């Protein structure tokens, strides 16, 4: 009887020991799992924190970059506006200069300046000397001074058109006489004058017959007196 009790007690003790060991192992495993879970959560938290910091940095950098770009755009616009204002002033000055040649006097050195006189342009004259031009409200006076004989010829002319945008004047001699042997009656000249920086760039054409045939083209620079 005592032997049976002893065996039963041993079996119970062994069972309890085994059960306790399993419980301990399960507890340790559970504890490990819980710790791992905590570590995982901490890692996730840290990662989330890093993500937030990265997003904040990206946002700050984007804002800074955007402000920088906006500032550069504003500077460019301001620079363009300044350049545009200067350009407008320059255009205004040029236009004023181009259209403000009334009551002025000009002079140019001329070489082989061509004229024709006589019937059918039989008498060609090449004049070297000075060409003077006086532009006023009533018309244009052109004076040709020959270097060879110091003879001065005066031609009356008029402004027939003005291109305000290009600053080009068209000046034509008034004489519409038919040709004769008198040189003084055959001065039909056409001048195109471009005004720029205190000079007149002039190119002229001589019309020597009633069919408006133009004999030549010639260019020269007039300086203001």
N, C-alpha and C. Protein backbone atom coordinates (compact mmCIF):
# COMPACT_ATOMS: atom_id res chain seq x y z
N UNK A 1 0.83 -1.21 0.00
CA UNK A 1 0.00 0.00 0.00
C UNK A 1 0.86 1.24 0.00
N UNK A 2 1.86 1.19 0.85
CA UNK A 2 2.78 2.34 0.90
C UNK A 2 3.54 2.47 -0.39
N UNK A 3 3.81 1.34 -0.98
CA UNK A 3 4.53 1.38 -2.26
C UNK A 3 3.69 2.02 -3.35
N UNK A 4 2.45 1.72 -3.31
CA UNK A 4 1.54 2.31 -4.32
C UNK A 4 1.46 3.81 -4.15
N UNK A 5 1.36 4.25 -2.91
CA UNK A 5 1.29 5.69 -2.63
C UNK A 5 2.57 6.38 -3.08
N UNK A 6 3.69 5.68 -2.82
CA UNK A 6 4.97 6.28 -3.20
C UNK A 6 5.08 6.44 -4.71
N UNK A 7 4.64 5.38 -5.40
CA UNK A 7 4.68 5.46 -6.87
C UNK A 7 3.77 6.56 -7.38
N UNK A 8 2.58 6.64 -6.79
CA UNK A 8 1.61 7.67 -7.22
C UNK A 8 2.16 9.07 -6.96
N UNK A 9 2.78 9.21 -5.83
CA UNK A 9 3.35 10.54 -5.49
C UNK A 9 4.46 10.89 -6.45
N UNK A 10 5.27 9.87 -6.82
CA UNK A 10 6.38 10.12 -7.77
C UNK A 10 5.87 10.56 -9.12
N UNK A 11 4.81 9.83 -9.51
CA UNK A 11 4.21 10.18 -10.83
C UNK A 11 3.69 11.60 -10.82
N UNK A 12 3.04 11.97 -9.72
CA UNK A 12 2.47 13.33 -9.62
C UNK A 12 3.59 14.36 -9.63
N UNK A 13 4.66 14.06 -8.88
CA UNK A 13 5.79 15.01 -8.82
C UNK A 13 6.41 15.19 -10.20
N UNK A 14 6.61 14.08 -10.89
CA UNK A 14 7.19 14.14 -12.24
C UNK A 14 6.30 14.96 -13.18
N UNK A 15 5.00 14.70 -13.08
CA UNK A 15 4.03 15.43 -13.93
C UNK A 15 4.09 16.92 -13.65
N UNK A 16 4.13 17.21 -12.29
CA UNK A 16 4.18 18.63 -11.91
C UNK A 16 5.45 19.29 -12.43
N UNK A 17 6.57 18.55 -12.30
CA UNK A 17 7.84 19.08 -12.79
C UNK A 17 7.80 19.33 -14.30
N UNK A 18 7.26 18.34 -15.03
CA UNK A 18 7.15 18.49 -16.47
C UNK A 18 6.24 19.66 -16.84
N UNK A 19 5.14 19.73 -16.14
CA UNK A 19 4.17 20.79 -16.41
C UNK A 19 4.78 22.17 -16.11
N UNK A 20 5.50 22.22 -14.98
CA UNK A 20 6.14 23.48 -14.58
C UNK A 20 7.19 23.89 -15.61
N UNK A 21 7.95 22.88 -16.08
CA UNK A 21 8.98 23.18 -17.10
C UNK A 21 8.34 23.72 -18.38
N UNK A 22 7.24 23.09 -18.78
CA UNK A 22 6.54 23.55 -20.00
C UNK A 22 6.02 24.97 -19.83
N UNK A 23 5.46 25.19 -18.63
CA UNK A 23 4.93 26.54 -18.36
C UNK A 23 6.05 27.57 -18.38
N UNK A 24 7.18 27.19 -17.78
CA UNK A 24 8.32 28.10 -17.75
C UNK A 24 8.83 28.38 -19.17
N UNK A 25 8.93 27.29 -19.94
CA UNK A 25 9.38 27.47 -21.34
C UNK A 25 8.42 28.34 -22.13
N UNK A 26 7.10 28.05 -21.93
CA UNK A 26 6.10 28.85 -22.63
C UNK A 26 6.20 30.32 -22.21
N UNK A 27 6.42 30.53 -20.93
CA UNK A 27 6.51 31.90 -20.42
C UNK A 27 7.72 32.62 -21.02
N UNK A 28 8.83 31.86 -21.02
CA UNK A 28 10.06 32.45 -21.59
C UNK A 28 9.88 32.79 -23.08
N UNK A 29 9.23 31.87 -23.80
CA UNK A 29 8.97 32.12 -25.22
C UNK A 29 8.05 33.32 -25.40
N UNK A 30 7.03 33.35 -24.53
CA UNK A 30 6.09 34.47 -24.60
C UNK A 30 6.79 35.78 -24.27
N UNK A 31 7.65 35.73 -23.26
CA UNK A 31 8.40 36.91 -22.87
C UNK A 31 9.30 37.37 -24.02
N UNK A 32 9.94 36.42 -24.67
CA UNK A 32 10.82 36.73 -25.80
C UNK A 32 10.01 37.34 -26.94
N UNK A 33 8.86 36.74 -27.21
CA UNK A 33 8.00 37.26 -28.29
C UNK A 33 7.55 38.68 -27.98
N UNK A 34 7.16 38.89 -26.71
CA UNK A 34 6.70 40.23 -26.29
C UNK A 34 7.83 41.25 -26.46
N UNK A 35 9.06 40.83 -26.06
CA UNK A 35 10.21 41.73 -26.18
C UNK A 35 10.51 42.03 -27.65
N UNK A 36 10.42 40.98 -28.45
CA UNK A 36 10.64 41.18 -29.89
C UNK A 36 9.59 42.13 -30.46
N UNK A 37 8.37 41.96 -30.01
CA UNK A 37 7.28 42.82 -30.46
C UNK A 37 7.55 44.27 -30.07
N UNK A 38 8.02 44.43 -28.80
CA UNK A 38 8.36 45.78 -28.34
C UNK A 38 9.48 46.38 -29.19
N UNK A 39 10.50 45.54 -29.45
CA UNK A 39 11.61 46.03 -30.28
C UNK A 39 11.13 46.42 -31.67
N UNK A 40 10.25 45.56 -32.21
CA UNK A 40 9.72 45.84 -33.54
C UNK A 40 8.94 47.15 -33.54
N UNK A 41 8.10 47.34 -32.53
CA UNK A 41 7.33 48.58 -32.43
C UNK A 41 8.24 49.79 -32.30
N UNK A 42 9.30 49.62 -31.51
CA UNK A 42 10.25 50.73 -31.35
C UNK A 42 10.93 51.07 -32.66
N UNK A 43 11.30 50.00 -33.38
CA UNK A 43 11.93 50.22 -34.69
C UNK A 43 10.98 50.92 -35.65
N UNK A 44 9.71 50.47 -35.62
CA UNK A 44 8.69 51.09 -36.47
C UNK A 44 8.51 52.56 -36.09
N UNK A 45 8.52 52.82 -34.78
CA UNK A 45 8.36 54.18 -34.29
C UNK A 45 9.52 55.05 -34.75
N UNK A 46 10.73 54.48 -34.62
CA UNK A 46 11.92 55.21 -35.05
C UNK A 46 11.89 55.47 -36.55
N UNK A 47 11.47 54.47 -37.31
CA UNK A 47 11.38 54.63 -38.76
C UNK A 47 10.36 55.70 -39.12
N UNK A 48 9.21 55.68 -38.45
CA UNK A 48 8.18 56.69 -38.68
C UNK A 48 8.70 58.09 -38.35
N UNK A 49 9.45 58.16 -37.23
CA UNK A 49 10.04 59.45 -36.85
C UNK A 49 11.00 59.94 -37.93
N UNK A 50 11.82 59.02 -38.42
CA UNK A 50 12.75 59.37 -39.50
C UNK A 50 12.02 59.82 -40.76
N UNK A 51 10.94 59.10 -41.08
CA UNK A 51 10.14 59.47 -42.26
C UNK A 51 9.56 60.87 -42.10
N UNK A 52 9.05 61.17 -40.89
CA UNK A 52 8.50 62.51 -40.63
C UNK A 52 9.58 63.58 -40.76
N UNK A 53 10.76 63.27 -40.22
CA UNK A 53 11.85 64.24 -40.31
C UNK A 53 12.27 64.46 -41.76
N UNK A 54 12.33 63.36 -42.53
CA UNK A 54 12.68 63.47 -43.94
C UNK A 54 11.65 64.31 -44.70
N UNK A 55 10.36 64.02 -44.43
CA UNK A 55 9.29 64.78 -45.08
C UNK A 55 9.37 66.25 -44.71
N UNK A 56 9.66 66.53 -43.44
CA UNK A 56 9.78 67.91 -42.98
C UNK A 56 10.96 68.60 -43.68
N UNK A 57 12.08 67.88 -43.78
CA UNK A 57 13.25 68.43 -44.46
C UNK A 57 12.94 68.70 -45.93
N UNK A 58 12.27 67.73 -46.56
CA UNK A 58 11.90 67.90 -47.97
C UNK A 58 10.98 69.10 -48.14
N UNK A 59 10.04 69.24 -47.22
CA UNK A 59 9.11 70.36 -47.28
C UNK A 59 9.86 71.67 -47.10
N UNK A 60 10.74 71.71 -46.10
CA UNK A 60 11.51 72.93 -45.86
C UNK A 60 12.38 73.27 -47.05
N UNK A 61 13.04 72.24 -47.63
CA UNK A 61 13.90 72.47 -48.80
C UNK A 61 13.08 72.93 -50.00
N UNK A 62 11.87 72.35 -50.15
CA UNK A 62 11.00 72.76 -51.26
C UNK A 62 10.58 74.21 -51.10
N UNK A 63 10.24 74.58 -49.86
CA UNK A 63 9.83 75.96 -49.60
C UNK A 63 10.98 76.91 -49.87
N UNK A 64 12.16 76.53 -49.39
CA UNK A 64 13.35 77.37 -49.60
C UNK A 64 13.65 77.50 -51.10
N UNK A 65 13.61 76.35 -51.78
CA UNK A 65 13.88 76.35 -53.22
C UNK A 65 12.85 77.18 -53.97
N UNK A 66 11.57 77.04 -53.55
CA UNK A 66 10.50 77.79 -54.20
C UNK A 66 10.69 79.29 -53.97
N UNK A 67 11.04 79.65 -52.74
CA UNK A 67 11.29 81.06 -52.44
C UNK A 67 12.46 81.59 -53.25
N UNK A 68 13.48 80.76 -53.40
CA UNK A 68 14.66 81.15 -54.18
C UNK A 68 14.28 81.39 -55.64
N UNK A 69 13.50 80.43 -56.19
CA UNK A 69 13.06 80.55 -57.59
C UNK A 69 12.19 81.79 -57.77
N UNK A 70 11.26 82.02 -56.83
CA UNK A 70 10.40 83.20 -56.91
C UNK A 70 11.22 84.48 -56.85
N UNK A 71 12.22 84.48 -55.99
CA UNK A 71 13.09 85.65 -55.87
C UNK A 71 13.84 85.91 -57.18
N UNK A 72 14.35 84.82 -57.78
CA UNK A 72 15.07 84.96 -59.05
C UNK A 72 14.14 85.46 -60.15
N UNK A 73 12.89 84.95 -60.15
CA UNK A 73 11.92 85.39 -61.15
C UNK A 73 11.61 86.88 -60.98
N UNK A 74 11.43 87.31 -59.71
CA UNK A 74 11.15 88.72 -59.44
C UNK A 74 12.32 89.60 -59.89
N UNK A 75 13.55 89.13 -59.61
CA UNK A 75 14.73 89.89 -60.04
C UNK A 75 14.79 89.99 -61.56
N UNK A 76 14.48 88.87 -62.24
CA UNK A 76 14.50 88.87 -63.71
C UNK A 76 13.45 89.83 -64.26
N UNK A 77 12.26 89.79 -63.67
CA UNK A 77 11.18 90.68 -64.13
C UNK A 77 11.57 92.14 -63.92
N UNK A 78 12.14 92.42 -62.72
CA UNK A 78 12.57 93.80 -62.44
C UNK A 78 13.65 94.25 -63.41
N UNK A 79 14.58 93.34 -63.73
CA UNK A 79 15.65 93.67 -64.67
C UNK A 79 15.09 93.92 -66.07
N UNK A 80 14.14 93.07 -66.49
CA UNK A 80 13.52 93.25 -67.80
C UNK A 80 12.74 94.57 -67.87
N UNK A 81 12.06 94.91 -66.76
CA UNK A 81 11.32 96.17 -66.73
C UNK A 81 12.26 97.36 -66.83
N UNK A 82 13.41 97.27 -66.12
CA UNK A 82 14.40 98.35 -66.20
C UNK A 82 14.96 98.47 -67.61
N UNK A 83 15.30 97.31 -68.21
CA UNK A 83 15.83 97.31 -69.57
C UNK A 83 14.79 97.86 -70.55
N UNK A 84 13.53 97.48 -70.34
CA UNK A 84 12.46 97.95 -71.22
C UNK A 84 12.28 99.47 -71.10
N UNK A 85 12.39 99.96 -69.85
CA UNK A 85 12.26 101.41 -69.64
C UNK A 85 13.40 102.16 -70.32
N UNK A 86 14.63 101.62 -70.16
CA UNK A 86 15.78 102.25 -70.82
C UNK A 86 15.64 102.21 -72.34
N UNK A 87 15.15 101.06 -72.85
CA UNK A 87 14.95 100.93 -74.29
C UNK A 87 13.91 101.92 -74.80
N UNK A 88 12.81 102.07 -74.04
CA UNK A 88 11.77 103.02 -74.44
C UNK A 88 12.31 104.45 -74.46
N UNK A 89 13.16 104.78 -73.45
CA UNK A 89 13.76 106.12 -73.42
C UNK A 89 14.69 106.32 -74.61
N UNK A 90 15.45 105.25 -74.92
CA UNK A 90 16.37 105.34 -76.06
C UNK A 90 15.61 105.53 -77.35
N UNK A 91 14.52 104.75 -77.51
CA UNK A 91 13.69 104.87 -78.71
C UNK A 91 13.09 106.27 -78.80
N UNK A 92 12.63 106.78 -77.64
CA UNK A 92 12.05 108.13 -77.61
C UNK A 92 13.09 109.18 -78.00
N UNK A 93 14.31 109.01 -77.47
CA UNK A 93 15.38 109.96 -77.81
C UNK A 93 15.72 109.90 -79.29
N UNK A 94 15.81 108.65 -79.82
CA UNK A 94 16.14 108.49 -81.23
C UNK A 94 15.05 109.09 -82.11
N UNK A 95 13.79 108.81 -81.73
CA UNK A 95 12.66 109.36 -82.50
C UNK A 95 12.67 110.88 -82.48
N UNK A 96 12.91 111.44 -81.27
CA UNK A 96 12.96 112.91 -81.15
C UNK A 96 14.08 113.47 -82.00
N UNK A 97 15.23 112.80 -81.95
CA UNK A 97 16.38 113.24 -82.73
C UNK A 97 16.10 113.15 -84.23
N UNK A 98 15.48 112.06 -84.63
CA UNK A 98 15.20 111.86 -86.04
C UNK A 98 14.24 112.90 -86.59
N UNK A 99 13.28 113.29 -85.76
CA UNK A 99 12.23 114.17 -86.25
C UNK A 99 12.48 115.62 -85.90
N UNK A 100 13.65 115.90 -85.35
CA UNK A 100 13.94 117.27 -84.92
C UNK A 100 15.09 117.84 -85.75
N UNK A 101 14.95 117.85 -87.05
CA UNK A 101 16.01 118.40 -87.90
C UNK A 101 15.57 119.70 -88.58
N UNK A 102 14.38 120.18 -88.23
CA UNK A 102 13.96 121.46 -88.79
C UNK A 102 14.82 122.57 -88.19
N UNK A 103 15.05 123.60 -89.02
CA UNK A 103 15.87 124.75 -88.63
C UNK A 103 17.29 124.32 -88.26
N UNK A 104 17.84 123.40 -89.04
CA UNK A 104 19.22 122.96 -88.84
C UNK A 104 19.99 123.11 -90.15
N UNK A 105 21.32 123.18 -90.02
CA UNK A 105 22.20 123.31 -91.19
C UNK A 105 23.21 122.16 -91.18
N UNK A 106 23.50 121.66 -92.39
CA UNK A 106 24.37 120.50 -92.53
C UNK A 106 25.36 120.72 -93.66
N UNK A 107 26.45 119.98 -93.60
CA UNK A 107 27.47 120.13 -94.63
C UNK A 107 28.15 118.79 -94.89
N UNK A 108 28.52 118.55 -96.14
CA UNK A 108 29.22 117.32 -96.51
C UNK A 108 30.26 117.62 -97.57
N UNK A 109 31.35 116.87 -97.52
CA UNK A 109 32.33 116.91 -98.62
C UNK A 109 31.85 115.96 -99.71
N UNK A 110 31.86 116.43 -100.95
CA UNK A 110 31.39 115.59 -102.05
C UNK A 110 32.47 115.45 -103.11
N UNK A 111 32.49 114.31 -103.73
CA UNK A 111 33.46 114.03 -104.80
C UNK A 111 32.72 113.48 -106.01
N UNK A 112 32.96 114.08 -107.17
CA UNK A 112 32.32 113.64 -108.41
C UNK A 112 30.80 113.57 -108.27
N UNK A 113 30.23 114.63 -107.68
CA UNK A 113 28.77 114.71 -107.55
C UNK A 113 28.19 115.02 -108.92
N UNK A 114 27.34 114.13 -109.45
CA UNK A 114 26.91 114.19 -110.85
C UNK A 114 25.69 115.08 -111.07
N UNK A 115 25.77 115.87 -112.14
CA UNK A 115 24.62 116.59 -112.66
C UNK A 115 24.59 116.43 -114.17
N UNK A 116 23.41 116.62 -114.72
CA UNK A 116 23.30 116.60 -116.18
C UNK A 116 22.57 117.86 -116.62
N UNK A 117 22.96 118.40 -117.73
CA UNK A 117 22.24 119.54 -118.29
C UNK A 117 22.24 119.44 -119.80
N UNK A 118 21.37 120.21 -120.40
CA UNK A 118 21.28 120.17 -121.86
C UNK A 118 20.33 119.09 -122.31
N UNK A 119 19.87 119.22 -123.54
CA UNK A 119 18.93 118.25 -124.10
C UNK A 119 19.49 116.85 -124.09
N UNK A 120 18.66 115.88 -123.71
CA UNK A 120 19.04 114.46 -123.68
C UNK A 120 20.28 114.20 -122.80
N UNK A 121 20.45 115.06 -121.78
CA UNK A 121 21.54 114.87 -120.83
C UNK A 121 22.90 114.87 -121.52
N UNK A 122 23.10 115.82 -122.41
CA UNK A 122 24.35 115.84 -123.18
C UNK A 122 25.52 116.39 -122.37
N UNK A 123 25.23 117.18 -121.36
CA UNK A 123 26.30 117.84 -120.62
C UNK A 123 26.33 117.32 -119.18
N UNK A 124 27.18 116.35 -118.94
CA UNK A 124 27.31 115.81 -117.60
C UNK A 124 28.35 116.59 -116.82
N UNK A 125 28.03 116.91 -115.60
CA UNK A 125 28.95 117.67 -114.75
C UNK A 125 29.25 116.85 -113.51
N UNK A 126 30.53 116.74 -113.17
CA UNK A 126 30.95 116.08 -111.94
C UNK A 126 31.55 117.15 -111.03
N UNK A 127 30.88 117.35 -109.92
CA UNK A 127 31.30 118.44 -109.03
C UNK A 127 31.97 117.88 -107.79
N UNK A 128 33.13 118.44 -107.46
CA UNK A 128 33.83 118.09 -106.22
C UNK A 128 33.95 119.34 -105.37
N UNK A 129 33.55 119.21 -104.11
CA UNK A 129 33.59 120.38 -103.24
C UNK A 129 32.76 120.17 -102.00
N UNK A 130 31.83 121.12 -101.76
CA UNK A 130 30.99 121.07 -100.57
C UNK A 130 29.52 121.05 -100.96
N UNK A 131 28.74 120.30 -100.20
CA UNK A 131 27.28 120.35 -100.33
C UNK A 131 26.74 120.81 -98.97
N UNK A 132 26.01 121.92 -99.01
CA UNK A 132 25.39 122.44 -97.78
C UNK A 132 23.89 122.32 -97.89
N UNK A 133 23.26 121.96 -96.77
CA UNK A 133 21.81 121.77 -96.77
C UNK A 133 21.23 122.47 -95.54
N UNK A 134 20.27 123.34 -95.80
CA UNK A 134 19.59 124.05 -94.72
C UNK A 134 18.13 123.64 -94.72
N UNK A 135 17.68 123.06 -93.62
CA UNK A 135 16.31 122.54 -93.52
C UNK A 135 15.53 123.44 -92.57
N UNK A 136 14.45 124.00 -93.04
CA UNK A 136 13.63 124.87 -92.18
C UNK A 136 12.16 124.60 -92.40
N UNK A 137 11.33 125.40 -91.77
CA UNK A 137 9.88 125.17 -91.83
C UNK A 137 9.31 125.37 -93.23
N UNK A 138 9.93 126.23 -94.00
CA UNK A 138 9.36 126.58 -95.30
C UNK A 138 9.88 125.72 -96.43
N UNK A 139 11.01 125.05 -96.22
CA UNK A 139 11.57 124.23 -97.29
C UNK A 139 13.02 123.88 -97.02
N UNK A 140 13.70 123.48 -98.08
CA UNK A 140 15.09 123.06 -97.98
C UNK A 140 15.92 123.82 -99.01
N UNK A 141 17.04 124.37 -98.54
CA UNK A 141 17.96 125.06 -99.45
C UNK A 141 19.22 124.21 -99.56
N UNK A 142 19.58 123.83 -100.79
CA UNK A 142 20.80 123.05 -101.03
C UNK A 142 21.78 123.92 -101.80
N UNK A 143 22.99 124.01 -101.28
CA UNK A 143 24.02 124.81 -101.95
C UNK A 143 25.20 123.91 -102.29
N UNK A 144 25.63 124.03 -103.54
CA UNK A 144 26.77 123.25 -104.02
C UNK A 144 27.92 124.21 -104.33
N UNK A 145 29.05 124.00 -103.67
CA UNK A 145 30.21 124.86 -103.85
C UNK A 145 31.32 124.08 -104.54
N UNK A 146 31.63 124.48 -105.75
CA UNK A 146 32.64 123.79 -106.54
C UNK A 146 34.04 124.11 -106.01
N UNK A 147 34.82 123.10 -105.82
CA UNK A 147 36.20 123.27 -105.37
C UNK A 147 37.08 123.82 -106.48
N UNK A 148 36.70 123.53 -107.72
CA UNK A 148 37.51 123.90 -108.87
C UNK A 148 37.46 125.40 -109.16
N UNK A 149 36.23 125.96 -109.24
CA UNK A 149 36.11 127.37 -109.60
C UNK A 149 35.46 128.21 -108.50
N UNK A 150 35.25 127.61 -107.33
CA UNK A 150 34.66 128.31 -106.18
C UNK A 150 33.28 128.88 -106.51
N UNK A 151 32.61 128.25 -107.48
CA UNK A 151 31.28 128.70 -107.88
C UNK A 151 30.23 127.99 -107.02
N UNK A 152 29.24 128.76 -106.58
CA UNK A 152 28.18 128.20 -105.72
C UNK A 152 26.86 128.15 -106.48
N UNK A 153 26.21 127.00 -106.42
CA UNK A 153 24.91 126.82 -107.05
C UNK A 153 23.87 126.52 -105.97
N UNK A 154 22.75 127.22 -106.01
CA UNK A 154 21.70 127.05 -105.00
C UNK A 154 20.51 126.31 -105.61
N UNK A 155 20.01 125.35 -104.91
CA UNK A 155 18.87 124.55 -105.37
C UNK A 155 17.78 124.62 -104.30
N UNK A 156 16.58 124.99 -104.70
CA UNK A 156 15.45 124.97 -103.78
C UNK A 156 14.81 123.59 -103.80
N UNK A 157 14.48 123.11 -102.61
CA UNK A 157 13.88 121.76 -102.51
C UNK A 157 12.83 121.75 -101.41
N UNK A 158 12.19 120.62 -101.27
CA UNK A 158 11.14 120.48 -100.25
C UNK A 158 11.13 119.06 -99.71
N UNK A 159 10.64 118.92 -98.48
CA UNK A 159 10.45 117.59 -97.88
C UNK A 159 9.13 117.05 -98.39
N UNK A 160 9.18 115.95 -99.10
CA UNK A 160 7.94 115.41 -99.69
C UNK A 160 7.34 114.27 -98.86
N UNK A 161 8.17 113.63 -98.01
CA UNK A 161 7.61 112.59 -97.14
C UNK A 161 8.56 112.33 -95.97
N UNK A 162 7.97 111.80 -94.89
CA UNK A 162 8.75 111.48 -93.69
C UNK A 162 8.30 110.11 -93.18
N UNK A 163 9.26 109.20 -93.02
CA UNK A 163 8.98 107.92 -92.39
C UNK A 163 9.39 108.05 -90.92
N UNK A 164 8.40 108.30 -90.04
CA UNK A 164 8.71 108.58 -88.64
C UNK A 164 9.34 107.39 -87.94
N UNK A 165 8.92 106.19 -88.31
CA UNK A 165 9.45 104.99 -87.65
C UNK A 165 10.92 104.78 -87.98
N UNK A 166 11.29 104.95 -89.23
CA UNK A 166 12.67 104.75 -89.65
C UNK A 166 13.48 106.04 -89.58
N UNK A 167 12.80 107.17 -89.43
CA UNK A 167 13.50 108.44 -89.40
C UNK A 167 14.11 108.80 -90.72
N UNK A 168 13.40 108.52 -91.81
CA UNK A 168 13.92 108.80 -93.15
C UNK A 168 13.09 109.91 -93.81
N UNK A 169 13.79 110.93 -94.29
CA UNK A 169 13.16 112.03 -95.01
C UNK A 169 13.42 111.86 -96.50
N UNK A 170 12.42 112.19 -97.30
CA UNK A 170 12.62 112.25 -98.75
C UNK A 170 12.54 113.72 -99.16
N UNK A 171 13.62 114.22 -99.76
CA UNK A 171 13.70 115.62 -100.17
C UNK A 171 13.87 115.67 -101.69
N UNK A 172 13.06 116.51 -102.32
CA UNK A 172 13.10 116.61 -103.78
C UNK A 172 13.26 118.07 -104.20
N UNK A 173 14.08 118.27 -105.21
CA UNK A 173 14.23 119.64 -105.72
C UNK A 173 12.92 120.08 -106.36
N UNK A 174 12.63 121.37 -106.26
CA UNK A 174 11.34 121.88 -106.71
C UNK A 174 11.26 122.01 -108.22
N UNK A 175 12.39 122.27 -108.87
CA UNK A 175 12.39 122.55 -110.31
C UNK A 175 11.83 121.38 -111.11
N UNK A 176 10.87 121.65 -111.96
CA UNK A 176 10.32 120.65 -112.88
C UNK A 176 10.53 121.10 -114.33
N UNK A 177 11.57 121.86 -114.55
CA UNK A 177 11.81 122.39 -115.90
C UNK A 177 12.20 121.28 -116.86
N UNK A 178 11.79 121.47 -118.13
CA UNK A 178 12.31 120.59 -119.16
C UNK A 178 13.77 120.97 -119.42
N UNK A 179 14.46 120.10 -120.08
CA UNK A 179 15.89 120.33 -120.25
C UNK A 179 16.18 121.39 -121.30
N UNK A 180 17.16 122.15 -120.95
CA UNK A 180 17.65 123.18 -121.89
C UNK A 180 19.16 123.21 -121.77
N UNK A 181 19.77 124.11 -122.46
CA UNK A 181 21.23 124.22 -122.38
C UNK A 181 21.66 124.98 -121.13
N UNK A 182 20.69 125.48 -120.38
CA UNK A 182 21.03 126.24 -119.17
C UNK A 182 21.11 125.28 -117.98
N UNK A 183 22.31 125.13 -117.47
CA UNK A 183 22.53 124.18 -116.38
C UNK A 183 21.66 124.50 -115.17
N UNK A 184 21.45 125.80 -114.93
CA UNK A 184 20.72 126.20 -113.73
C UNK A 184 19.27 125.74 -113.76
N UNK A 185 18.77 125.35 -114.93
CA UNK A 185 17.38 124.92 -115.03
C UNK A 185 17.24 123.39 -114.93
N UNK A 186 18.33 122.71 -114.66
CA UNK A 186 18.28 121.25 -114.73
C UNK A 186 18.81 120.58 -113.44
N UNK A 187 18.29 121.04 -112.34
CA UNK A 187 18.76 120.50 -111.07
C UNK A 187 17.61 119.75 -110.39
N UNK A 188 17.22 118.68 -110.96
CA UNK A 188 16.14 117.89 -110.35
C UNK A 188 16.77 116.75 -109.58
N UNK A 189 16.85 116.92 -108.27
CA UNK A 189 17.52 115.96 -107.40
C UNK A 189 16.52 115.35 -106.42
N UNK A 190 16.80 114.13 -106.05
CA UNK A 190 15.98 113.45 -105.04
C UNK A 190 16.92 112.94 -103.95
N UNK A 191 16.70 113.39 -102.70
CA UNK A 191 17.55 112.99 -101.58
C UNK A 191 16.75 112.15 -100.60
N UNK A 192 17.36 111.08 -100.11
CA UNK A 192 16.81 110.30 -99.01
C UNK A 192 17.75 110.48 -97.82
N UNK A 193 17.22 110.96 -96.72
CA UNK A 193 18.07 111.30 -95.58
C UNK A 193 17.64 110.50 -94.35
N UNK A 194 18.61 109.80 -93.76
CA UNK A 194 18.38 109.07 -92.51
C UNK A 194 19.13 109.79 -91.40
N UNK A 195 18.42 110.11 -90.32
CA UNK A 195 19.01 110.87 -89.22
C UNK A 195 19.49 109.91 -88.14
N UNK A 196 20.76 110.06 -87.73
CA UNK A 196 21.29 109.20 -86.68
C UNK A 196 22.49 109.85 -86.01
N UNK A 197 22.40 110.01 -84.68
CA UNK A 197 23.52 110.44 -83.84
C UNK A 197 24.22 111.68 -84.38
N UNK A 198 23.44 112.69 -84.71
CA UNK A 198 24.05 113.95 -85.13
C UNK A 198 24.53 114.00 -86.56
N UNK A 199 24.22 112.96 -87.33
CA UNK A 199 24.65 112.92 -88.74
C UNK A 199 23.43 112.64 -89.63
N UNK A 200 23.55 113.09 -90.86
CA UNK A 200 22.56 112.74 -91.87
C UNK A 200 23.24 111.82 -92.88
N UNK A 201 22.76 110.60 -92.94
CA UNK A 201 23.24 109.69 -93.98
C UNK A 201 22.36 109.94 -95.21
N UNK A 202 22.96 110.43 -96.25
CA UNK A 202 22.19 110.90 -97.40
C UNK A 202 22.59 110.13 -98.65
N UNK A 203 21.61 109.66 -99.38
CA UNK A 203 21.90 109.13 -100.71
C UNK A 203 20.96 109.82 -101.70
N UNK A 204 21.53 110.20 -102.81
CA UNK A 204 20.79 111.05 -103.74
C UNK A 204 20.67 110.39 -105.11
N UNK A 205 19.65 110.81 -105.83
CA UNK A 205 19.41 110.32 -107.19
C UNK A 205 19.11 111.52 -108.07
N UNK A 206 19.70 111.52 -109.24
CA UNK A 206 19.46 112.64 -110.17
C UNK A 206 18.49 112.20 -111.26
N UNK A 207 17.39 112.96 -111.41
CA UNK A 207 16.38 112.65 -112.42
C UNK A 207 16.58 113.59 -113.60
N UNK A 208 16.95 113.02 -114.74
CA UNK A 208 17.40 113.94 -115.79
C UNK A 208 16.52 113.98 -117.03
N UNK A 209 15.34 113.38 -117.01
CA UNK A 209 14.48 113.60 -118.17
C UNK A 209 13.02 113.57 -117.76
N UNK A 210 12.17 113.92 -118.70
CA UNK A 210 10.74 114.06 -118.39
C UNK A 210 10.07 112.73 -118.12
N UNK A 211 10.76 111.62 -118.45
CA UNK A 211 10.18 110.30 -118.17
C UNK A 211 10.64 109.75 -116.82
N UNK A 212 11.18 110.67 -115.99
CA UNK A 212 11.62 110.32 -114.64
C UNK A 212 12.67 109.22 -114.65
N UNK A 213 13.59 109.30 -115.57
CA UNK A 213 14.69 108.34 -115.60
C UNK A 213 15.78 108.81 -114.64
N UNK A 214 16.23 107.91 -113.76
CA UNK A 214 17.22 108.30 -112.77
C UNK A 214 18.61 107.87 -113.22
N UNK A 215 19.49 108.83 -113.24
CA UNK A 215 20.80 108.65 -113.85
C UNK A 215 21.79 107.92 -112.93
N UNK A 216 21.75 108.12 -111.64
CA UNK A 216 22.76 107.53 -110.76
C UNK A 216 22.30 107.59 -109.31
N UNK A 217 23.02 106.88 -108.48
CA UNK A 217 22.81 106.94 -107.04
C UNK A 217 24.15 107.26 -106.38
N UNK A 218 24.10 108.07 -105.35
CA UNK A 218 25.32 108.48 -104.68
C UNK A 218 25.01 108.70 -103.19
N UNK A 219 25.95 108.29 -102.32
CA UNK A 219 25.73 108.42 -100.88
C UNK A 219 26.85 109.24 -100.24
N UNK A 220 26.49 109.97 -99.18
CA UNK A 220 27.49 110.74 -98.44
C UNK A 220 26.93 111.06 -97.05
N UNK A 221 27.81 111.56 -96.18
CA UNK A 221 27.43 111.86 -94.80
C UNK A 221 27.47 113.38 -94.59
N UNK A 222 26.39 113.92 -94.03
CA UNK A 222 26.35 115.34 -93.70
C UNK A 222 26.54 115.51 -92.19
N UNK A 223 27.41 116.45 -91.83
CA UNK A 223 27.62 116.78 -90.42
C UNK A 223 26.87 118.06 -90.10
N UNK A 224 26.35 118.13 -88.88
CA UNK A 224 25.58 119.31 -88.49
C UNK A 224 26.52 120.48 -88.20
N UNK A 225 26.14 121.65 -88.70
CA UNK A 225 26.95 122.86 -88.47
C UNK A 225 26.50 123.56 -87.19
